[in-house]
Protein backbone atom coordinates (compact mmCIF):
# COMPACT_ATOMS: atom_id res chain seq x y z
CA UNK A 1 82.70 83.20 83.40
CA UNK A 2 86.09 84.69 82.04
CA UNK A 3 89.36 82.75 82.50
CA UNK A 4 90.50 85.63 84.90
CA UNK A 5 87.35 85.08 87.06
CA UNK A 6 87.85 81.21 86.93
CA UNK A 7 91.48 81.47 87.81
CA UNK A 8 90.60 84.00 90.97
CA UNK A 9 87.72 81.35 91.86
CA UNK A 10 90.06 78.57 91.75
CA UNK A 11 93.09 80.17 93.60
CA UNK A 12 90.63 81.28 96.46
CA UNK A 13 89.20 77.64 96.34
CA UNK A 14 92.71 76.04 96.98
CA UNK A 15 93.47 78.27 99.88
CA UNK A 16 90.18 78.39 101.49
CA UNK A 17 91.27 76.17 104.51
CA UNK A 18 94.38 78.65 105.11
CA UNK A 19 92.37 81.82 104.30
CA UNK A 20 91.99 83.14 108.04
CA UNK A 21 95.28 82.61 108.64
CA UNK A 22 96.85 83.97 105.70
CA UNK A 23 94.82 87.20 105.89
CA UNK A 24 95.78 87.71 109.58
CA UNK A 25 99.47 87.11 108.75
CA UNK A 26 99.36 89.51 105.64
CA UNK A 27 97.63 92.13 107.52
CA UNK A 28 99.27 91.89 110.54
CA UNK A 29 95.94 91.38 112.15
CA UNK A 30 94.53 94.54 111.08
CA UNK A 31 91.62 93.02 109.22
CA UNK A 32 90.10 91.74 112.47
CA UNK A 33 89.99 96.20 113.34
CA UNK A 34 88.54 96.64 109.82
CA UNK A 35 85.95 93.97 110.33
CA UNK A 36 84.81 95.36 113.65
CA UNK A 37 84.49 98.79 112.42
CA UNK A 38 82.09 97.54 109.49
CA UNK A 39 79.87 95.88 112.22
CA UNK A 40 80.01 98.93 114.34
CA UNK A 41 78.94 101.24 111.51
CA UNK A 42 76.26 98.58 110.48
CA UNK A 43 74.96 98.06 113.82
CA UNK A 44 74.18 101.97 114.21
CA UNK A 45 71.94 102.06 111.03
CA UNK A 46 70.02 99.02 112.19
CA UNK A 47 69.48 97.54 108.71
CA UNK A 48 66.81 94.87 108.02
CA UNK A 49 68.79 93.29 105.20
CA UNK A 50 72.62 93.24 104.36
CA UNK A 51 74.11 91.75 101.27
CA UNK A 52 77.73 90.67 102.05
CA UNK A 53 79.39 90.40 98.48
CA UNK A 54 82.80 88.36 98.55
CA UNK A 55 81.94 87.23 101.97
CA UNK A 56 84.75 84.64 102.02
CA UNK A 57 84.82 82.64 104.96
CA UNK A 58 81.60 84.51 106.33
CA UNK A 59 83.53 86.30 109.26
CA UNK A 60 81.81 89.80 108.83
CA UNK A 61 78.32 88.00 107.97
CA UNK A 62 78.60 86.01 111.28
CA UNK A 63 79.56 89.14 113.23
CA UNK A 64 76.39 90.85 111.50
CA UNK A 65 73.92 88.09 112.63
CA UNK A 66 73.98 89.75 116.10
CA UNK A 67 71.65 92.55 114.65
CA UNK A 68 68.27 91.87 115.63
CA UNK A 69 65.47 91.37 113.02
CA UNK A 70 68.24 91.57 109.98
CA UNK A 71 68.60 89.17 107.15
CA UNK A 72 72.30 88.67 105.97
CA UNK A 73 73.17 87.45 102.74
CA UNK A 74 76.54 86.37 101.99
CA UNK A 75 77.85 85.41 98.40
CA UNK A 76 81.16 84.41 97.15
CA UNK A 77 82.42 83.09 93.94
CA UNK A 78 84.50 80.54 95.96
CA UNK A 79 82.30 77.57 97.06
CA UNK A 80 85.32 76.47 99.24
CA UNK A 81 85.23 79.91 101.25
CA UNK A 82 81.73 79.61 101.69
CA UNK A 83 82.04 75.83 103.11
CA UNK A 84 84.79 77.10 105.52
CA UNK A 85 82.40 79.73 106.81
CA UNK A 86 79.52 77.37 107.11
CA UNK A 87 81.53 75.30 109.48
CA UNK A 88 81.97 78.48 111.76
CA UNK A 89 79.46 79.41 114.63
C-alpha cells in the first residue's frame, strides 16, 4: 500500500465515529438526497448483486438491502468505517 493510501485509510479510521455527522455538516445534508437517488435508480434496475466500493459507514448498502433477492457487498479500506456501519440497523 502506498503512503498516500495508508494516510487516507488512517484519516478515515480516525474520523469514523464522527463521519456521518461531518458528512451531513459539510454537504448541508445534500448527501442524503444523493444517497436516496442512488437507491431509487438501483431499485428500478432490480439488480441481483451490488458492489458498494468505498462504502464508508454503509448507509447506501443498508438502504440497498431493501432490494429483494439482491446481494450487496460493501468494501472500504477503512476497517473503522466498516465497524461503524456494522453497528447500524
